[in-house]
Amino acid sequence: MVVGDWLLIETFDGLEAASVLAVGSAPRQWKSLARTLPSQLLPMVVEAYERRAPTVRELPRSRHAWSRGHAHAIPLVGPSDRVHGLHFWVGQANEPPRRPRLAPFVLDGRSRRFEMCTAGLGPAFEPERSVWVGAEMFTNVERFDGALDLAAAINRAVPGSRWHGDICVRTPIGLRTGLLAARNITADPRRWHGLILDITDTVPPQGKSFEATTVDTLVNANPGLYLAVVDTAHVRLIRWISTPVPGLRWSGATDERTMPHPDDRARILAARTDILSGSPSHTVAGLRLVAEDGGWLTVDAEVSPLPYGPPDAAPPEFALVRMELRPD
């Protein structure tokens, strides 16, 4: 049992499947709760989880390191009013140390609506905002090597799926590293519950990868070139690799089905079919996309499959779209 530091326990799909995600700000990967927390202390976790309220106890005399210490169990309630986890601390001090910064979140795989309780991350993490939709989730991301893994898991919606990895984000106080852990729930595999924990103290932020820096160089050398990743299942925008096409209405409550001109949707579906059939590329010239002012922007687009996952000859799950904006 770790004494003197906060344990982060996840309860994304209920208490029976709970595991430990971190000790302080040091990540752990789905570590067994039963092997981490002594059975004598588990009732406190159960009580805090079921009451949805902090539980504090003075522990009895024993042979353990936590003899006559203090224990604190703090439930972490997410946007859907469900307990996503608990912070648990045992120590000899009268008061525990400051808890590591974290935020519970809910992600809907259908609408790709991401809602997060940001207050626990502090003022550096956009406290005035709590909801992001679709590609907006990557707005402040500096590096997220597992982005496509997570996107694929969300699209597949296999019951019992879970994801665990690091993400580096830009904040007003510099780059910060977050542990992102999520699990889809048994009752609805397209609904994901998760936590983001600030682990910057133990995992230094990493800047952009060599590949991402190379793409930045390419885009900067070619003004008017815009790059985006879409999924091949629904042709939805996953993330922008470059800056977004200026003047394009793509964020917020925009229904992505309304982004292309109705008369161009058949050509988009033809490109999708071509890519899924193994074509190395497909060009869609003069594609009209909805503008912020309600008019239409015209781009010349080239679509190509994005290498991802094991080389099992399966149809590609993602595609890279290169767009050049035509002048007015």
Protein backbone atom coordinates (compact mmCIF):
# COMPACT_ATOMS: atom_id res chain seq x y z
CA MET A 1 0.00 0.00 0.00
CA VAL A 2 1.34 3.43 -0.97
CA VAL A 3 1.34 5.72 2.06
CA GLY A 4 1.52 9.49 1.71
CA ASP A 5 0.52 9.86 -1.94
CA TRP A 6 -2.79 10.00 -3.77
CA LEU A 7 -4.01 6.92 -5.62
CA LEU A 8 -6.15 7.57 -8.69
CA ILE A 9 -8.78 4.83 -8.98
CA GLU A 10 -10.97 4.64 -12.10
CA THR A 11 -14.56 3.42 -11.94
CA PHE A 12 -15.54 4.17 -15.55
CA ASP A 13 -17.73 1.09 -15.88
CA GLY A 14 -18.59 0.64 -12.24
CA LEU A 15 -16.77 -0.32 -9.07
CA GLU A 16 -16.45 -4.03 -9.89
CA ALA A 17 -14.13 -3.27 -12.84
CA ALA A 18 -12.15 -0.57 -11.02
CA SER A 19 -8.38 -0.23 -11.40
CA VAL A 20 -5.56 2.14 -10.43
CA LEU A 21 -4.38 4.69 -13.01
CA ALA A 22 -1.77 6.67 -11.08
CA VAL A 23 0.15 7.12 -7.86
CA GLY A 24 0.41 10.86 -7.40
CA SER A 25 1.28 12.06 -10.89
CA ALA A 26 3.08 8.82 -11.85
CA PRO A 27 1.00 6.80 -14.34
CA ARG A 28 -0.03 3.20 -13.82
CA GLN A 29 -1.75 1.18 -16.55
CA TRP A 30 -4.96 -0.38 -15.30
CA LYS A 31 -3.22 -1.72 -12.19
CA SER A 32 -5.29 -4.13 -10.11
CA LEU A 33 -7.12 -2.32 -7.31
CA ALA A 34 -7.27 -5.47 -5.18
CA ARG A 35 -3.48 -5.82 -5.35
CA THR A 36 -2.88 -2.15 -4.62
CA LEU A 37 -5.28 -1.34 -1.83
CA PRO A 38 -5.52 -3.52 1.31
CA SER A 39 -8.90 -5.17 1.77
CA GLN A 40 -9.33 -3.38 5.12
CA LEU A 41 -9.47 -0.03 3.28
CA LEU A 42 -11.73 -1.03 0.38
CA PRO A 43 -14.96 -0.31 2.33
CA MET A 44 -14.00 3.38 2.37
CA VAL A 45 -13.76 3.36 -1.43
CA VAL A 46 -17.13 1.65 -1.71
CA GLU A 47 -18.74 4.11 0.70
CA ALA A 48 -17.40 7.21 -1.07
CA TYR A 49 -18.42 5.76 -4.44
CA GLU A 50 -21.94 4.89 -3.37
CA ARG A 51 -22.55 8.05 -1.32
CA ARG A 52 -20.90 10.22 -3.99
CA ALA A 53 -19.36 12.24 -1.20
CA PRO A 54 -15.90 12.50 0.42
CA THR A 55 -15.20 9.98 3.16
CA VAL A 56 -12.62 10.62 5.89
CA ARG A 57 -11.52 8.14 8.55
CA GLU A 58 -8.99 7.93 11.37
CA LEU A 59 -7.55 4.44 11.05
CA PRO A 60 -7.19 2.04 14.01
CA ARG A 61 -3.92 0.82 15.47
CA SER A 62 -2.48 -2.07 13.47
CA ARG A 63 0.78 -3.60 12.26
CA HIS A 64 0.51 -1.80 8.93
CA ALA A 65 2.37 1.33 7.86
CA TRP A 66 -0.91 3.20 7.93
CA SER A 67 -1.57 2.37 11.60
CA ARG A 68 -3.47 5.22 13.34
CA GLY A 69 -3.15 7.34 10.22
CA HIS A 70 -5.81 9.20 8.28
CA ALA A 71 -7.59 8.12 5.11
CA HIS A 72 -9.43 10.26 2.56
CA ALA A 73 -11.58 8.97 -0.32
CA ILE A 74 -12.74 11.69 -2.75
CA PRO A 75 -15.21 10.72 -5.51
CA LEU A 76 -14.62 12.25 -8.97
CA VAL A 77 -18.00 12.98 -10.53
CA GLY A 78 -18.16 13.43 -14.31
CA PRO A 79 -20.38 15.54 -16.57
CA SER A 80 -23.07 12.85 -16.65
CA ASP A 81 -23.27 12.95 -12.84
CA ARG A 82 -21.63 9.52 -12.66
CA VAL A 83 -18.59 8.72 -10.48
CA HIS A 84 -15.65 8.28 -12.89
CA GLY A 85 -13.18 7.44 -10.15
CA LEU A 86 -11.81 8.31 -6.75
CA HIS A 87 -8.74 9.88 -5.26
CA PHE A 88 -7.62 7.87 -2.22
CA TRP A 89 -4.97 8.91 0.30
CA VAL A 90 -3.57 7.36 3.46
CA GLY A 91 -0.95 9.08 5.60
CA GLN A 92 0.15 10.16 9.04
CA ALA A 93 -0.36 13.87 8.45
CA ASN A 94 -3.55 15.54 9.63
CA GLU A 95 -4.18 16.88 6.13
CA PRO A 96 -3.27 15.24 2.80
CA PRO A 97 -1.14 17.04 0.17
CA ARG A 98 -2.74 18.90 -2.70
CA ARG A 99 -4.43 16.50 -5.06
CA PRO A 100 -3.00 16.16 -8.60
CA ARG A 101 -4.94 18.13 -11.20
CA LEU A 102 -7.43 16.11 -13.21
CA ALA A 103 -10.71 16.28 -15.08
CA PRO A 104 -13.44 13.69 -15.73
CA PHE A 105 -14.95 13.61 -19.20
CA VAL A 106 -17.64 11.94 -21.29
CA LEU A 107 -17.22 11.25 -25.01
CA ASP A 108 -20.16 10.29 -27.22
CA GLY A 109 -18.95 8.21 -30.15
CA ARG A 110 -22.05 8.99 -32.22
CA SER A 111 -22.01 12.78 -32.06
CA ARG A 112 -18.31 12.96 -31.05
CA ARG A 113 -19.32 15.42 -28.37
CA PHE A 114 -16.60 15.69 -25.73
CA GLU A 115 -17.64 17.20 -22.39
CA MET A 116 -15.16 17.72 -19.58
CA CYS A 117 -15.30 19.10 -16.04
CA THR A 118 -12.28 21.39 -16.37
CA ALA A 119 -12.29 22.97 -12.91
CA GLY A 120 -9.96 20.33 -11.49
CA LEU A 121 -7.25 21.11 -14.05
CA GLY A 122 -6.82 24.71 -12.92
CA PRO A 123 -7.11 28.01 -14.82
CA ALA A 124 -4.57 27.03 -17.49
CA PHE A 125 -6.96 24.59 -19.17
CA GLU A 126 -9.73 26.75 -20.68
CA PRO A 127 -11.97 26.84 -17.59
CA GLU A 128 -14.55 28.89 -19.49
CA ARG A 129 -15.17 26.03 -21.89
CA SER A 130 -16.42 22.51 -21.19
CA VAL A 131 -17.66 21.10 -24.54
CA TRP A 132 -15.80 20.34 -27.77
CA VAL A 133 -17.21 18.60 -30.83
CA GLY A 134 -15.36 16.49 -33.41
CA ALA A 135 -12.04 17.91 -34.58
CA GLU A 136 -12.33 20.76 -32.06
CA MET A 137 -10.91 18.34 -29.49
CA PHE A 138 -7.46 18.74 -31.09
CA THR A 139 -7.44 22.55 -31.08
CA ASN A 140 -4.79 22.88 -28.35
CA VAL A 141 -3.05 19.54 -28.81
CA GLU A 142 0.68 19.73 -29.46
CA ARG A 143 1.31 16.00 -29.66
CA PHE A 144 -0.96 12.96 -29.42
CA ASP A 145 0.73 9.90 -30.90
CA GLY A 146 -2.20 7.67 -30.04
CA ALA A 147 -4.89 9.86 -31.63
CA LEU A 148 -5.76 7.41 -34.40
CA ASP A 149 -5.74 4.45 -31.99
CA LEU A 150 -8.32 6.21 -29.86
CA ALA A 151 -10.37 7.30 -32.87
CA ALA A 152 -10.38 3.73 -34.19
CA ALA A 153 -11.45 2.32 -30.82
CA ILE A 154 -14.29 4.83 -30.64
CA ASN A 155 -15.45 4.02 -34.18
CA ARG A 156 -15.36 0.26 -33.62
CA ALA A 157 -17.30 0.51 -30.34
CA VAL A 158 -16.34 -3.02 -29.29
CA PRO A 159 -17.87 -3.62 -25.83
CA GLY A 160 -15.30 -3.59 -23.05
CA SER A 161 -12.79 -1.44 -24.94
CA ARG A 162 -10.44 0.84 -23.04
CA TRP A 163 -7.67 3.26 -23.93
CA HIS A 164 -4.69 4.64 -22.00
CA GLY A 165 -2.00 7.03 -23.24
CA ASP A 166 -0.30 10.42 -23.03
CA ILE A 167 -1.32 13.69 -24.64
CA CYS A 168 0.65 16.94 -24.76
CA VAL A 169 -1.37 20.16 -24.83
CA ARG A 170 -0.61 23.86 -25.19
CA THR A 171 -1.66 26.09 -22.28
CA PRO A 172 -0.99 29.72 -21.30
CA ILE A 173 1.71 28.44 -18.92
CA GLY A 174 3.41 26.23 -21.51
CA LEU A 175 3.16 22.63 -22.64
CA ARG A 176 1.58 20.17 -20.22
CA THR A 177 1.44 16.36 -20.32
CA GLY A 178 -1.81 14.62 -19.57
CA LEU A 179 -2.62 10.98 -18.97
CA LEU A 180 -5.80 10.21 -20.89
CA ALA A 181 -7.63 7.05 -19.87
CA ALA A 182 -11.11 6.01 -20.99
CA ARG A 183 -13.37 2.98 -21.20
CA ASN A 184 -16.63 2.45 -23.03
CA ILE A 185 -19.46 1.42 -20.77
CA THR A 186 -21.26 -1.90 -20.94
CA ALA A 187 -24.72 -0.39 -21.32
CA ASP A 188 -23.69 1.71 -24.34
CA PRO A 189 -20.34 0.89 -26.02
CA ARG A 190 -20.46 4.15 -27.99
CA ARG A 191 -20.37 6.15 -24.77
CA TRP A 192 -16.96 6.59 -23.16
CA HIS A 193 -16.15 7.71 -19.64
CA GLY A 194 -12.65 8.93 -18.87
CA LEU A 195 -10.20 11.02 -16.88
CA ILE A 196 -7.37 13.34 -17.85
CA LEU A 197 -4.65 13.64 -15.21
CA ASP A 198 -1.89 16.26 -15.33
CA ILE A 199 1.31 14.18 -15.15
CA THR A 200 3.75 16.92 -16.22
CA ASP A 201 5.75 16.53 -12.98
CA THR A 202 6.69 12.95 -13.87
CA VAL A 203 6.36 12.87 -17.69
CA PRO A 204 7.95 15.95 -19.30
CA PRO A 205 6.04 17.38 -22.27
CA GLN A 206 7.16 16.25 -25.71
CA GLY A 207 7.14 18.57 -28.67
CA LYS A 208 5.91 17.64 -32.12
CA SER A 209 7.24 14.46 -33.68
CA PHE A 210 9.65 14.52 -36.62
CA GLU A 211 6.78 13.55 -38.92
CA ALA A 212 4.56 16.37 -37.66
CA THR A 213 7.38 18.88 -38.01
CA THR A 214 7.96 17.70 -41.57
CA VAL A 215 4.27 18.22 -42.38
CA ASP A 216 4.43 21.73 -40.90
CA THR A 217 7.39 22.50 -43.15
CA LEU A 218 5.50 21.22 -46.19
CA VAL A 219 2.41 23.27 -45.38
CA ASN A 220 4.40 26.43 -44.65
CA ALA A 221 6.18 26.08 -47.99
CA ASN A 222 2.87 25.72 -49.83
CA PRO A 223 0.46 28.51 -48.88
CA GLY A 224 -3.08 27.50 -49.69
CA LEU A 225 -2.47 23.80 -48.89
CA TYR A 226 -4.63 22.33 -46.14
CA LEU A 227 -4.49 18.81 -44.69
CA ALA A 228 -7.11 16.88 -42.75
CA VAL A 229 -7.71 13.31 -41.58
CA VAL A 230 -11.17 11.79 -42.12
CA ASP A 231 -12.56 8.38 -41.25
CA THR A 232 -13.65 6.10 -44.06
CA ALA A 233 -16.67 4.75 -42.20
CA HIS A 234 -18.63 8.01 -42.21
CA VAL A 235 -16.27 10.50 -43.95
CA ARG A 236 -16.13 12.55 -40.77
CA LEU A 237 -13.41 15.07 -40.00
CA ILE A 238 -11.15 13.55 -37.33
CA ARG A 239 -8.55 16.31 -37.06
CA TRP A 240 -6.78 19.04 -38.96
CA ILE A 241 -3.12 18.37 -39.67
CA SER A 242 -2.65 21.92 -40.92
CA THR A 243 -4.61 24.99 -39.91
CA PRO A 244 -8.28 24.71 -40.94
CA VAL A 245 -9.39 26.05 -44.30
CA PRO A 246 -10.02 29.76 -43.62
CA GLY A 247 -13.68 30.73 -43.70
CA LEU A 248 -14.90 27.12 -43.56
CA ARG A 249 -17.79 26.35 -41.22
CA TRP A 250 -16.61 23.17 -39.54
CA SER A 251 -16.60 23.62 -35.76
CA GLY A 252 -19.11 23.82 -32.96
CA ALA A 253 -22.59 22.47 -33.60
CA THR A 254 -22.01 22.15 -37.36
CA ASP A 255 -23.55 18.98 -38.73
CA GLU A 256 -20.75 17.53 -40.86
CA ARG A 257 -23.29 16.12 -43.29
CA THR A 258 -24.11 19.71 -44.26
CA MET A 259 -20.49 20.75 -44.93
CA PRO A 260 -20.33 19.62 -48.59
CA HIS A 261 -22.72 20.98 -51.20
CA PRO A 262 -25.63 18.52 -51.64
CA ASP A 263 -24.76 18.09 -55.32
CA ASP A 264 -21.20 17.05 -54.42
CA ARG A 265 -22.03 14.31 -51.92
CA ALA A 266 -22.18 11.61 -54.59
CA ARG A 267 -18.62 12.45 -55.64
CA ILE A 268 -17.45 12.22 -52.03
CA LEU A 269 -19.03 8.79 -51.65
CA ALA A 270 -17.41 7.71 -54.92
CA ALA A 271 -14.01 8.78 -53.53
CA ARG A 272 -14.70 6.80 -50.35
CA THR A 273 -15.62 3.69 -52.34
CA ASP A 274 -12.50 4.04 -54.45
CA ILE A 275 -10.21 4.35 -51.42
CA LEU A 276 -11.85 1.39 -49.65
CA SER A 277 -11.36 -0.66 -52.81
CA GLY A 278 -7.61 -0.13 -52.69
CA SER A 279 -7.03 2.93 -54.87
CA PRO A 280 -3.89 4.88 -53.86
CA SER A 281 -5.64 8.22 -54.43
CA HIS A 282 -8.80 9.88 -55.70
CA THR A 283 -9.21 13.48 -56.85
CA VAL A 284 -12.34 15.54 -56.28
CA ALA A 285 -11.93 18.78 -58.22
CA GLY A 286 -14.11 21.79 -57.51
CA LEU A 287 -15.53 20.46 -54.24
CA ARG A 288 -17.87 22.97 -52.64
CA LEU A 289 -17.82 23.31 -48.85
CA VAL A 290 -20.04 25.50 -46.72
CA ALA A 291 -18.56 28.83 -45.61
CA GLU A 292 -19.04 30.59 -42.29
CA ASP A 293 -21.13 33.26 -44.02
CA GLY A 294 -23.50 30.67 -45.49
CA GLY A 295 -21.98 30.70 -48.97
CA TRP A 296 -19.65 28.13 -50.52
CA LEU A 297 -15.88 27.72 -50.66
CA THR A 298 -14.40 25.75 -53.55
CA VAL A 299 -11.43 23.44 -53.06
CA ASP A 300 -9.59 20.92 -55.15
CA ALA A 301 -9.20 17.82 -52.98
CA GLU A 302 -7.06 14.71 -53.25
CA VAL A 303 -7.82 11.77 -51.00
CA SER A 304 -5.40 8.96 -50.18
CA PRO A 305 -5.50 6.10 -47.66
CA LEU A 306 -3.64 6.78 -44.44
CA PRO A 307 -1.31 3.98 -43.32
CA TYR A 308 -2.55 2.84 -39.93
CA GLY A 309 -2.68 -0.38 -37.94
CA PRO A 310 -1.32 -3.81 -38.81
CA PRO A 311 -0.64 -4.59 -42.51
CA ASP A 312 -3.45 -7.12 -42.78
CA ALA A 313 -4.80 -5.88 -46.13
CA ALA A 314 -7.96 -4.65 -44.40
CA PRO A 315 -9.72 -1.60 -45.86
CA PRO A 316 -8.18 1.63 -44.52
CA GLU A 317 -9.94 3.17 -41.54
CA PHE A 318 -8.64 6.69 -42.22
CA ALA A 319 -7.78 8.84 -45.19
CA LEU A 320 -5.68 11.96 -45.69
CA VAL A 321 -7.38 14.80 -47.56
CA ARG A 322 -5.18 17.41 -49.23
CA MET A 323 -7.08 20.55 -50.17
CA GLU A 324 -6.17 23.64 -52.13
CA LEU A 325 -8.49 26.58 -51.83
CA ARG A 326 -9.49 28.11 -55.13
CA PRO A 327 -9.40 31.90 -55.29
CA ASP A 328 -12.74 33.72 -55.44
